[in-house]
Amino acid sequence: MSDDYRDPSGNTEAFRAFVRSDEAPAPTAPPAPAANRTPLLIGGAVIAVVVIVVLVFALTR
């Protein structure tokens, strides 16, 4: 008795196309530009100046 059902997973070309599409490398995010650190550096400098001013003010009294 012949089987009229054809299993698509038995098709080698379809399997290879499926594997190729899954193995495609995911796009990577570009590295963050250095400009994103600028506000952090400015904030750190401001905090350092404030701490120094407070220490100088506290030690001179």
PDB file of N, CA and C in Angstrom:
ATOM      1  N   MET A   1       0.845  -1.182   0.000  1.00  0.00           N
ATOM      2  CA  MET A   1       0.000   0.000   0.000  1.00  0.00           C
ATOM      3  C   MET A   1       0.888   1.241   0.000  1.00  0.00           C
ATOM      4  N   SER A   2       0.665   2.144  -0.935  1.00  0.00           N
ATOM      5  CA  SER A   2       1.504   3.330  -1.038  1.00  0.00           C
ATOM      6  C   SER A   2       1.048   4.410  -0.053  1.00  0.00           C
ATOM      7  N   ASP A   3       2.000   5.193   0.357  1.00  0.00           N
ATOM      8  CA  ASP A   3       1.720   6.263   1.319  1.00  0.00           C
ATOM      9  C   ASP A   3       1.646   7.586   0.551  1.00  0.00           C
ATOM     10  N   ASP A   4       0.478   8.245   0.584  1.00  0.00           N
ATOM     11  CA  ASP A   4       0.305   9.503  -0.142  1.00  0.00           C
ATOM     12  C   ASP A   4       0.870  10.700   0.628  1.00  0.00           C
ATOM     13  N   TYR A   5       1.131  10.530   1.893  1.00  0.00           N
ATOM     14  CA  TYR A   5       1.654  11.632   2.712  1.00  0.00           C
ATOM     15  C   TYR A   5       3.165  11.748   2.510  1.00  0.00           C
ATOM     16  N   ARG A   6       3.618  12.955   2.192  1.00  0.00           N
ATOM     17  CA  ARG A   6       5.055  13.186   2.017  1.00  0.00           C
ATOM     18  C   ARG A   6       5.526  14.102   3.149  1.00  0.00           C
ATOM     19  N   ASP A   7       6.481  13.622   3.905  1.00  0.00           N
ATOM     20  CA  ASP A   7       6.992  14.364   5.054  1.00  0.00           C
ATOM     21  C   ASP A   7       7.913  15.483   4.554  1.00  0.00           C
ATOM     22  N   PRO A   8       7.600  16.769   4.845  1.00  0.00           N
ATOM     23  CA  PRO A   8       8.456  17.853   4.358  1.00  0.00           C
ATOM     24  C   PRO A   8       9.832  17.854   5.020  1.00  0.00           C
ATOM     25  N   SER A   9       9.960  17.244   6.184  1.00  0.00           N
ATOM     26  CA  SER A   9      11.274  17.211   6.825  1.00  0.00           C
ATOM     27  C   SER A   9      12.219  16.270   6.099  1.00  0.00           C
ATOM     28  N   GLY A  10      11.692  15.439   5.228  1.00  0.00           N
ATOM     29  CA  GLY A  10      12.525  14.532   4.461  1.00  0.00           C
ATOM     30  C   GLY A  10      13.193  15.224   3.283  1.00  0.00           C
ATOM     31  N   ASN A  11      12.811  16.446   2.973  1.00  0.00           N
ATOM     32  CA  ASN A  11      13.374  17.194   1.874  1.00  0.00           C
ATOM     33  C   ASN A  11      14.675  17.855   2.332  1.00  0.00           C
ATOM     34  N   THR A  12      15.789  17.433   1.784  1.00  0.00           N
ATOM     35  CA  THR A  12      17.092  17.928   2.213  1.00  0.00           C
ATOM     36  C   THR A  12      17.266  19.415   1.924  1.00  0.00           C
ATOM     37  N   GLU A  13      16.772  19.882   0.783  1.00  0.00           N
ATOM     38  CA  GLU A  13      16.924  21.296   0.443  1.00  0.00           C
ATOM     39  C   GLU A  13      16.159  22.174   1.425  1.00  0.00           C
ATOM     40  N   ALA A  14      14.960  21.775   1.787  1.00  0.00           N
ATOM     41  CA  ALA A  14      14.184  22.559   2.741  1.00  0.00           C
ATOM     42  C   ALA A  14      14.875  22.573   4.099  1.00  0.00           C
ATOM     43  N   PHE A  15      15.451  21.456   4.490  1.00  0.00           N
ATOM     44  CA  PHE A  15      16.162  21.390   5.760  1.00  0.00           C
ATOM     45  C   PHE A  15      17.383  22.307   5.753  1.00  0.00           C
ATOM     46  N   ARG A  16      18.135  22.287   4.681  1.00  0.00           N
ATOM     47  CA  ARG A  16      19.323  23.140   4.598  1.00  0.00           C
ATOM     48  C   ARG A  16      18.947  24.614   4.611  1.00  0.00           C
ATOM     49  N   ALA A  17      17.882  24.972   3.917  1.00  0.00           N
ATOM     50  CA  ALA A  17      17.431  26.364   3.922  1.00  0.00           C
ATOM     51  C   ALA A  17      17.011  26.769   5.329  1.00  0.00           C
ATOM     52  N   PHE A  18      16.361  25.877   6.050  1.00  0.00           N
ATOM     53  CA  PHE A  18      15.939  26.162   7.412  1.00  0.00           C
ATOM     54  C   PHE A  18      17.147  26.345   8.317  1.00  0.00           C
ATOM     55  N   VAL A  19      18.132  25.501   8.178  1.00  0.00           N
ATOM     56  CA  VAL A  19      19.326  25.589   9.015  1.00  0.00           C
ATOM     57  C   VAL A  19      20.094  26.865   8.712  1.00  0.00           C
ATOM     58  N   ARG A  20      20.228  27.209   7.450  1.00  0.00           N
ATOM     59  CA  ARG A  20      20.946  28.434   7.081  1.00  0.00           C
ATOM     60  C   ARG A  20      20.268  29.666   7.663  1.00  0.00           C
ATOM     61  N   SER A  21      18.956  29.706   7.652  1.00  0.00           N
ATOM     62  CA  SER A  21      18.261  30.884   8.168  1.00  0.00           C
ATOM     63  C   SER A  21      18.393  30.978   9.685  1.00  0.00           C
ATOM     64  N   ASP A  22      18.492  29.857  10.383  1.00  0.00           N
ATOM     65  CA  ASP A  22      18.640  29.895  11.831  1.00  0.00           C
ATOM     66  C   ASP A  22      20.058  30.229  12.262  1.00  0.00           C
ATOM     67  N   GLU A  23      21.051  29.888  11.440  1.00  0.00           N
ATOM     68  CA  GLU A  23      22.433  30.113  11.813  1.00  0.00           C
ATOM     69  C   GLU A  23      22.942  31.493  11.416  1.00  0.00           C
ATOM     70  N   ALA A  24      22.088  32.326  10.839  1.00  0.00           N
ATOM     71  CA  ALA A  24      22.524  33.666  10.451  1.00  0.00           C
ATOM     72  C   ALA A  24      22.906  34.426  11.718  1.00  0.00           C
ATOM     73  N   PRO A  25      24.055  35.082  11.706  1.00  0.00           N
ATOM     74  CA  PRO A  25      24.490  35.798  12.905  1.00  0.00           C
ATOM     75  C   PRO A  25      23.556  36.964  13.229  1.00  0.00           C
ATOM     76  N   ALA A  26      23.294  37.121  14.493  1.00  0.00           N
ATOM     77  CA  ALA A  26      22.435  38.209  14.928  1.00  0.00           C
ATOM     78  C   ALA A  26      23.198  39.523  14.794  1.00  0.00           C
ATOM     79  N   PRO A  27      22.513  40.583  14.400  1.00  0.00           N
ATOM     80  CA  PRO A  27      23.215  41.860  14.285  1.00  0.00           C
ATOM     81  C   PRO A  27      23.672  42.328  15.666  1.00  0.00           C
ATOM     82  N   THR A  28      24.890  42.800  15.721  1.00  0.00           N
ATOM     83  CA  THR A  28      25.416  43.264  16.998  1.00  0.00           C
ATOM     84  C   THR A  28      25.211  44.763  17.126  1.00  0.00           C
ATOM     85  N   ALA A  29      25.056  45.199  18.338  1.00  0.00           N
ATOM     86  CA  ALA A  29      24.872  46.621  18.587  1.00  0.00           C
ATOM     87  C   ALA A  29      26.213  47.334  18.422  1.00  0.00           C
ATOM     88  N   PRO A  30      26.189  48.511  17.851  1.00  0.00           N
ATOM     89  CA  PRO A  30      27.450  49.237  17.717  1.00  0.00           C
ATOM     90  C   PRO A  30      27.955  49.664  19.097  1.00  0.00           C
ATOM     91  N   PRO A  31      29.258  49.807  19.248  1.00  0.00           N
ATOM     92  CA  PRO A  31      29.785  50.212  20.544  1.00  0.00           C
ATOM     93  C   PRO A  31      29.295  51.611  20.912  1.00  0.00           C
ATOM     94  N   ALA A  32      29.116  51.813  22.191  1.00  0.00           N
ATOM     95  CA  ALA A  32      28.620  53.107  22.659  1.00  0.00           C
ATOM     96  C   ALA A  32      29.677  54.175  22.411  1.00  0.00           C
ATOM     97  N   PRO A  33      29.263  55.306  21.895  1.00  0.00           N
ATOM     98  CA  PRO A  33      30.241  56.370  21.666  1.00  0.00           C
ATOM     99  C   PRO A  33      30.752  56.947  22.982  1.00  0.00           C
ATOM    100  N   ALA A  34      31.937  57.529  22.954  1.00  0.00           N
ATOM    101  CA  ALA A  34      32.550  58.082  24.156  1.00  0.00           C
ATOM    102  C   ALA A  34      31.768  59.273  24.684  1.00  0.00           C
ATOM    103  N   ALA A  35      30.943  59.893  23.851  1.00  0.00           N
ATOM    104  CA  ALA A  35      30.175  61.062  24.289  1.00  0.00           C
ATOM    105  C   ALA A  35      29.185  60.698  25.390  1.00  0.00           C
ATOM    106  N   ASN A  36      28.818  59.429  25.522  1.00  0.00           N
ATOM    107  CA  ASN A  36      27.878  59.027  26.556  1.00  0.00           C
ATOM    108  C   ASN A  36      28.502  59.104  27.944  1.00  0.00           C
ATOM    109  N   ARG A  37      29.824  59.094  28.035  1.00  0.00           N
ATOM    110  CA  ARG A  37      30.490  59.178  29.334  1.00  0.00           C
ATOM    111  C   ARG A  37      30.696  60.618  29.784  1.00  0.00           C
ATOM    112  N   THR A  38      30.521  61.564  28.911  1.00  0.00           N
ATOM    113  CA  THR A  38      30.786  62.966  29.244  1.00  0.00           C
ATOM    114  C   THR A  38      29.939  63.456  30.412  1.00  0.00           C
ATOM    115  N   PRO A  39      28.625  63.234  30.429  1.00  0.00           N
ATOM    116  CA  PRO A  39      27.843  63.691  31.588  1.00  0.00           C
ATOM    117  C   PRO A  39      28.283  63.025  32.893  1.00  0.00           C
ATOM    118  N   LEU A  40      28.699  61.773  32.817  1.00  0.00           N
ATOM    119  CA  LEU A  40      29.167  61.073  34.006  1.00  0.00           C
ATOM    120  C   LEU A  40      30.448  61.708  34.533  1.00  0.00           C
ATOM    121  N   LEU A  41      31.361  62.029  33.640  1.00  0.00           N
ATOM    122  CA  LEU A  41      32.610  62.667  34.051  1.00  0.00           C
ATOM    123  C   LEU A  41      32.364  64.062  34.630  1.00  0.00           C
ATOM    124  N   ILE A  42      31.479  64.803  34.013  1.00  0.00           N
ATOM    125  CA  ILE A  42      31.160  66.146  34.518  1.00  0.00           C
ATOM    126  C   ILE A  42      30.507  66.048  35.890  1.00  0.00           C
ATOM    127  N   GLY A  43      29.589  65.114  36.051  1.00  0.00           N
ATOM    128  CA  GLY A  43      28.938  64.918  37.350  1.00  0.00           C
ATOM    129  C   GLY A  43      29.931  64.520  38.425  1.00  0.00           C
ATOM    130  N   GLY A  44      30.865  63.649  38.095  1.00  0.00           N
ATOM    131  CA  GLY A  44      31.889  63.237  39.059  1.00  0.00           C
ATOM    132  C   GLY A  44      32.774  64.405  39.459  1.00  0.00           C
ATOM    133  N   ALA A  45      33.127  65.247  38.491  1.00  0.00           N
ATOM    134  CA  ALA A  45      33.960  66.418  38.790  1.00  0.00           C
ATOM    135  C   ALA A  45      33.217  67.397  39.692  1.00  0.00           C
ATOM    136  N   VAL A  46      31.945  67.602  39.445  1.00  0.00           N
ATOM    137  CA  VAL A  46      31.145  68.519  40.271  1.00  0.00           C
ATOM    138  C   VAL A  46      31.050  67.988  41.689  1.00  0.00           C
ATOM    139  N   ILE A  47      30.820  66.702  41.828  1.00  0.00           N
ATOM    140  CA  ILE A  47      30.727  66.110  43.171  1.00  0.00           C
ATOM    141  C   ILE A  47      32.063  66.231  43.897  1.00  0.00           C
ATOM    142  N   ALA A  48      33.152  66.008  43.192  1.00  0.00           N
ATOM    143  CA  ALA A  48      34.478  66.127  43.808  1.00  0.00           C
ATOM    144  C   ALA A  48      34.731  67.551  44.282  1.00  0.00           C
ATOM    145  N   VAL A  49      34.377  68.538  43.482  1.00  0.00           N
ATOM    146  CA  VAL A  49      34.561  69.940  43.870  1.00  0.00           C
ATOM    147  C   VAL A  49      33.713  70.265  45.087  1.00  0.00           C
ATOM    148  N   VAL A  50      32.471  69.802  45.122  1.00  0.00           N
ATOM    149  CA  VAL A  50      31.596  70.064  46.263  1.00  0.00           C
ATOM    150  C   VAL A  50      32.168  69.433  47.530  1.00  0.00           C
ATOM    151  N   VAL A  51      32.662  68.204  47.438  1.00  0.00           N
ATOM    152  CA  VAL A  51      33.236  67.533  48.610  1.00  0.00           C
ATOM    153  C   VAL A  51      34.466  68.295  49.092  1.00  0.00           C
ATOM    154  N   ILE A  52      35.311  68.739  48.177  1.00  0.00           N
ATOM    155  CA  ILE A  52      36.506  69.491  48.573  1.00  0.00           C
ATOM    156  C   ILE A  52      36.127  70.811  49.234  1.00  0.00           C
ATOM    157  N   VAL A  53      35.159  71.517  48.694  1.00  0.00           N
ATOM    158  CA  VAL A  53      34.717  72.789  49.279  1.00  0.00           C
ATOM    159  C   VAL A  53      34.155  72.556  50.675  1.00  0.00           C
ATOM    160  N   VAL A  54      33.358  71.521  50.863  1.00  0.00           N
ATOM    161  CA  VAL A  54      32.783  71.230  52.169  1.00  0.00           C
ATOM    162  C   VAL A  54      33.897  70.880  53.157  1.00  0.00           C
ATOM    163  N   LEU A  55      34.860  70.084  52.749  1.00  0.00           N
ATOM    164  CA  LEU A  55      35.973  69.720  53.640  1.00  0.00           C
ATOM    165  C   LEU A  55      36.807  70.950  54.017  1.00  0.00           C
ATOM    166  N   VAL A  56      37.112  71.795  53.048  1.00  0.00           N
ATOM    167  CA  VAL A  56      37.881  73.001  53.345  1.00  0.00           C
ATOM    168  C   VAL A  56      37.111  73.913  54.297  1.00  0.00           C
ATOM    169  N   PHE A  57      35.833  74.066  54.055  1.00  0.00           N
ATOM    170  CA  PHE A  57      34.994  74.903  54.910  1.00  0.00           C
ATOM    171  C   PHE A  57      34.913  74.329  56.329  1.00  0.00           C
ATOM    172  N   ALA A  58      34.791  73.010  56.459  1.00  0.00           N
ATOM    173  CA  ALA A  58      34.669  72.374  57.770  1.00  0.00           C
ATOM    174  C   ALA A  58      35.988  72.420  58.526  1.00  0.00           C
ATOM    175  N   LEU A  59      37.099  72.320  57.852  1.00  0.00           N
ATOM    176  CA  LEU A  59      38.403  72.289  58.530  1.00  0.00           C
ATOM    177  C   LEU A  59      38.930  73.682  58.881  1.00  0.00           C
ATOM    178  N   THR A  60      38.441  74.733  58.221  1.00  0.00           N
ATOM    179  CA  THR A  60      38.901  76.074  58.512  1.00  0.00           C
ATOM    180  C   THR A  60      38.134  76.722  59.645  1.00  0.00           C
ATOM    181  N   ARG A  61      37.079  76.181  60.102  1.00  0.00           N
ATOM    182  CA  ARG A  61      36.293  76.768  61.197  1.00  0.00           C
ATOM    183  C   ARG A  61      36.823  76.374  62.504  1.00  0.00           C
TER     184      ARG A  61
END
